[in-house]
Amino acid sequence: MCGRFNIIDDRAVQVLCERLGIDTARWPIRFSDDVAPASRISMVREGMEGRRVDDAIWWLLLESTETGWKPNYRYATFNTRHDKLHKKGSVGYRSFIESRCIIPASGFVEGLEGTKTYHQLNGIDKAIAFGGLYRSWLDERTGEITYSASIITLPPHPKFVGIHQKAFPMMIDIGDQDTVDRWLDPRFDRTEAFETLLVPRLVTGLEAVPIDRPSRRNPKGDIRLLEADEKI
């Protein structure tokens, strides 16, 4: 991923939350037109009392400072590569086993490597449920817990030729209730069950809009429609 996404307050996001069993009156979503790494984001996770939405720093590995937990910028951990998930000692290894989450989004930005070509990818009539990992960090001075999160990236998707050919973000089909339940269950540790999720798949159609730059997102060309892949 290029490292930017957005989430807007619309019916598509409301439907996603409903399908995930989230009461947004109790667990409000953090909306933003421009989410960059190290920003505060909303993540859906399974808590002691059921599913909930928590704020998290979009950067999995944090470090302690005098003012609390902050991103550890020595390592870029806003994304976690799929081929690192099974490696003991890697940043996302333990989280993949016991601390998985879903990060809701309306769209995201990708850039073509070695060029200044960017696209805004918008879900068509559906919000996007990124597959993510999270960690919790305790401030022993205050007792406050800070959450951090990362989006899992997969091998490139063939439909992203000319858009981004290095990686593809994991997307979870919220219509597949069994998969959603297993993914969010911290007690479910048989990660081999998630192998099909580690194959790049468009679970919803996307509108690819050429833009001038990620921070502005001004349209500058013809829109492409990328159809959803067939269910496995």
Protein backbone atom coordinates (compact mmCIF):
# COMPACT_ATOMS: atom_id res chain seq x y z
CA MET A 1 0.00 0.00 0.00
CA CYS A 2 1.04 3.55 -0.65
CA GLY A 3 0.15 4.47 2.92
CA ARG A 4 -3.05 6.48 2.81
CA PHE A 5 -6.75 5.72 3.11
CA ASN A 6 -9.99 7.48 3.92
CA ILE A 7 -13.22 6.63 5.71
CA ILE A 8 -16.37 8.68 5.32
CA ASP A 9 -19.65 8.75 7.21
CA ASP A 10 -21.99 7.15 4.68
CA ARG A 11 -24.40 4.26 4.33
CA ALA A 12 -21.71 1.87 3.08
CA VAL A 13 -19.70 2.23 6.29
CA GLN A 14 -22.86 1.94 8.36
CA VAL A 15 -23.72 -1.33 6.62
CA LEU A 16 -20.19 -2.66 7.20
CA CYS A 17 -20.49 -1.90 10.92
CA GLU A 18 -23.92 -3.51 11.09
CA ARG A 19 -22.63 -6.67 9.41
CA LEU A 20 -19.78 -6.78 11.91
CA GLY A 21 -22.20 -6.42 14.82
CA ILE A 22 -20.96 -2.98 15.83
CA ASP A 23 -23.30 -0.52 17.53
CA THR A 24 -21.86 2.80 16.33
CA ALA A 25 -23.84 4.72 18.94
CA ARG A 26 -21.77 2.95 21.59
CA TRP A 27 -18.63 2.47 19.53
CA PRO A 28 -18.30 5.46 17.17
CA ILE A 29 -16.06 5.32 14.12
CA ARG A 30 -13.31 7.87 13.57
CA PHE A 31 -13.91 9.45 10.14
CA SER A 32 -11.27 11.18 8.05
CA ASP A 33 -10.78 12.23 4.43
CA ASP A 34 -7.05 11.59 4.67
CA VAL A 35 -5.52 8.98 6.96
CA ALA A 36 -1.73 8.81 6.86
CA PRO A 37 0.63 6.46 8.71
CA ALA A 38 0.97 7.24 12.44
CA SER A 39 -2.54 8.76 12.45
CA ARG A 40 -5.26 7.64 14.84
CA ILE A 41 -7.59 5.16 13.17
CA SER A 42 -10.56 3.00 14.14
CA MET A 43 -10.16 -0.75 14.39
CA VAL A 44 -12.77 -3.41 15.08
CA ARG A 45 -11.67 -6.11 17.50
CA GLU A 46 -13.12 -8.69 19.83
CA GLY A 47 -13.11 -7.58 23.47
CA MET A 48 -14.14 -9.25 26.71
CA GLU A 49 -17.73 -8.10 26.20
CA GLY A 50 -17.95 -8.67 22.45
CA ARG A 51 -17.01 -6.65 19.40
CA ARG A 52 -15.97 -3.08 19.81
CA VAL A 53 -14.24 -0.19 18.06
CA ASP A 54 -11.03 1.20 19.51
CA ASP A 55 -8.73 4.01 18.49
CA ALA A 56 -5.30 2.83 17.42
CA ILE A 57 -2.13 4.38 16.10
CA TRP A 58 -1.60 3.24 12.52
CA TRP A 59 1.92 1.95 13.19
CA LEU A 60 2.28 -1.45 14.84
CA LEU A 61 5.61 -1.01 16.62
CA LEU A 62 5.63 1.77 19.23
CA GLU A 63 8.20 3.09 21.67
CA SER A 64 7.84 4.69 25.07
CA THR A 65 8.45 8.42 25.47
CA GLU A 66 7.97 10.91 28.31
CA THR A 67 4.55 11.78 26.91
CA GLY A 68 3.38 8.23 26.17
CA TRP A 69 3.63 5.68 23.38
CA LYS A 70 4.68 6.93 19.95
CA PRO A 71 5.50 5.24 16.61
CA ASN A 72 8.95 3.71 16.40
CA TYR A 73 10.06 5.33 13.16
CA ARG A 74 13.15 3.13 12.84
CA TYR A 75 10.83 0.52 11.36
CA ALA A 76 7.95 1.09 8.93
CA THR A 77 5.21 -1.02 10.49
CA PHE A 78 1.99 0.60 9.28
CA ASN A 79 1.86 -2.40 6.93
CA THR A 80 2.82 -6.00 7.75
CA ARG A 81 3.96 -8.22 4.90
CA HIS A 82 2.18 -11.54 4.54
CA ASP A 83 5.46 -13.47 4.31
CA LYS A 84 6.50 -12.26 7.76
CA LEU A 85 3.39 -13.49 9.58
CA HIS A 86 4.70 -17.00 10.24
CA LYS A 87 8.23 -15.96 11.20
CA LYS A 88 8.91 -16.14 14.92
CA GLY A 89 10.41 -12.92 16.20
CA SER A 90 8.86 -10.77 13.47
CA VAL A 91 6.83 -7.74 14.56
CA GLY A 92 3.49 -9.22 13.50
CA TYR A 93 4.03 -12.88 14.42
CA ARG A 94 2.31 -12.91 17.82
CA SER A 95 -0.44 -10.53 16.70
CA PHE A 96 -1.31 -12.80 13.78
CA ILE A 97 -1.93 -15.61 16.26
CA GLU A 98 -3.92 -13.73 18.87
CA SER A 99 -4.59 -10.06 18.04
CA ARG A 100 -6.27 -9.68 14.66
CA CYS A 101 -8.60 -6.84 13.75
CA ILE A 102 -10.56 -5.28 10.91
CA ILE A 103 -9.81 -1.73 9.78
CA PRO A 104 -12.78 -0.14 7.99
CA ALA A 105 -12.20 2.20 5.05
CA SER A 106 -14.07 3.83 2.18
CA GLY A 107 -11.08 3.96 -0.15
CA PHE A 108 -7.29 4.05 -0.32
CA VAL A 109 -4.46 5.48 -2.38
CA GLU A 110 -1.88 3.53 -4.36
CA GLY A 111 1.12 4.78 -6.29
CA LEU A 112 2.98 3.14 -9.16
CA GLU A 113 6.57 2.44 -8.17
CA GLY A 114 9.19 4.67 -9.76
CA THR A 115 6.63 7.13 -11.09
CA LYS A 116 4.39 9.93 -9.88
CA THR A 117 1.27 8.04 -10.94
CA TYR A 118 -1.35 7.76 -8.20
CA HIS A 119 -4.86 6.37 -7.95
CA GLN A 120 -7.64 6.71 -5.43
CA LEU A 121 -9.37 3.33 -5.10
CA ASN A 122 -12.97 3.64 -3.88
CA GLY A 123 -15.23 0.78 -2.89
CA ILE A 124 -18.23 0.58 -5.22
CA ASP A 125 -21.38 0.64 -3.08
CA LYS A 126 -19.47 -1.12 -0.29
CA ALA A 127 -16.98 -0.11 2.36
CA ILE A 128 -13.67 -1.96 2.62
CA ALA A 129 -12.70 -4.21 5.52
CA PHE A 130 -8.91 -4.38 5.67
CA GLY A 131 -7.40 -7.35 7.47
CA GLY A 132 -5.24 -5.98 10.25
CA LEU A 133 -3.17 -6.78 13.31
CA TYR A 134 -3.00 -4.90 16.57
CA ARG A 135 -0.95 -4.67 19.75
CA SER A 136 -1.63 -3.13 23.16
CA TRP A 137 0.88 -1.02 25.07
CA LEU A 138 0.58 -0.27 28.81
CA ASP A 139 1.82 3.00 30.28
CA GLU A 140 2.92 1.83 33.72
CA ARG A 141 2.90 5.40 35.03
CA THR A 142 -0.73 6.10 34.21
CA GLY A 143 -2.23 2.64 33.67
CA GLU A 144 -3.46 3.81 30.26
CA ILE A 145 -3.47 1.35 27.35
CA THR A 146 -2.58 2.51 23.84
CA TYR A 147 -3.41 0.36 20.82
CA SER A 148 -1.42 0.18 17.61
CA ALA A 149 -2.47 -1.43 14.34
CA SER A 150 -1.15 -2.47 10.95
CA ILE A 151 -2.71 -3.50 7.63
CA ILE A 152 -1.55 -6.82 6.18
CA THR A 153 -0.18 -6.63 2.64
CA LEU A 154 -0.21 -9.48 0.13
CA PRO A 155 1.46 -10.22 -3.21
CA PRO A 156 0.42 -7.89 -6.05
CA HIS A 157 -2.99 -8.33 -7.66
CA PRO A 158 -3.03 -8.75 -11.48
CA LYS A 159 -5.85 -6.20 -11.76
CA PHE A 160 -3.56 -3.54 -10.26
CA VAL A 161 -1.25 -3.38 -13.27
CA GLY A 162 -0.52 0.31 -13.82
CA ILE A 163 -1.78 1.15 -10.33
CA HIS A 164 0.52 -0.61 -7.85
CA GLN A 165 2.54 -3.72 -8.63
CA LYS A 166 4.42 -4.32 -5.39
CA ALA A 167 1.74 -5.34 -2.89
CA PHE A 168 -1.99 -5.52 -2.29
CA PRO A 169 -3.86 -4.93 0.98
CA MET A 170 -5.71 -7.83 2.57
CA MET A 171 -9.47 -7.41 2.26
CA ILE A 172 -11.97 -9.49 4.21
CA ASP A 173 -15.39 -10.37 2.84
CA ILE A 174 -17.75 -9.36 5.65
CA GLY A 175 -20.43 -11.51 4.04
CA ASP A 176 -18.38 -14.58 4.97
CA GLN A 177 -19.48 -14.72 8.60
CA ASP A 178 -17.44 -17.79 9.52
CA THR A 179 -14.22 -16.19 8.32
CA VAL A 180 -15.03 -12.90 10.06
CA ASP A 181 -15.78 -14.72 13.31
CA ARG A 182 -12.55 -16.71 13.20
CA TRP A 183 -10.49 -13.69 12.21
CA LEU A 184 -11.70 -11.59 15.13
CA ASP A 185 -11.66 -14.40 17.71
CA PRO A 186 -8.47 -14.00 19.81
CA ARG A 187 -8.83 -17.60 21.00
CA PHE A 188 -8.69 -18.99 17.45
CA ASP A 189 -4.97 -19.66 16.92
CA ARG A 190 -5.01 -22.09 14.00
CA THR A 191 -3.63 -19.56 11.54
CA GLU A 192 -3.40 -22.15 8.77
CA ALA A 193 -7.13 -21.56 8.37
CA PHE A 194 -6.32 -18.09 7.00
CA GLU A 195 -4.20 -19.24 4.07
CA THR A 196 -6.91 -18.31 1.55
CA LEU A 197 -6.92 -14.77 2.97
CA LEU A 198 -3.22 -14.46 2.12
CA VAL A 199 -4.03 -14.70 -1.60
CA PRO A 200 -4.78 -11.26 -3.15
CA ARG A 201 -8.49 -10.96 -3.82
CA LEU A 202 -10.85 -8.12 -4.63
CA VAL A 203 -13.85 -8.87 -2.44
CA THR A 204 -15.64 -5.75 -3.69
CA GLY A 205 -15.50 -3.79 -6.93
CA LEU A 206 -13.28 -0.74 -6.92
CA GLU A 207 -13.36 2.55 -8.79
CA ALA A 208 -9.80 3.56 -9.73
CA VAL A 209 -9.54 7.35 -10.05
CA PRO A 210 -6.24 8.86 -11.29
CA ILE A 211 -5.21 11.68 -8.93
CA ASP A 212 -2.49 14.32 -8.85
CA ARG A 213 -1.00 13.40 -5.47
CA PRO A 214 -2.01 11.41 -2.37
CA SER A 215 -2.41 14.44 -0.11
CA ARG A 216 -4.73 16.34 -2.49
CA ARG A 217 -6.47 13.63 -4.51
CA ASN A 218 -7.57 15.90 -7.34
CA PRO A 219 -8.92 13.74 -10.22
CA LYS A 220 -6.84 13.97 -13.39
CA GLY A 221 -7.86 11.23 -15.82
CA ASP A 222 -10.29 8.56 -16.87
CA ILE A 223 -11.81 6.33 -14.19
CA ARG A 224 -11.33 2.55 -14.36
CA LEU A 225 -13.74 0.07 -12.85
CA LEU A 226 -12.18 -3.03 -11.31
CA GLU A 227 -14.68 -5.84 -10.89
CA ALA A 228 -14.75 -7.94 -7.73
CA ASP A 229 -13.17 -11.38 -7.98
CA GLU A 230 -15.35 -14.44 -7.80
CA LYS A 231 -15.69 -16.05 -4.40
CA ILE A 232 -13.26 -18.85 -3.69
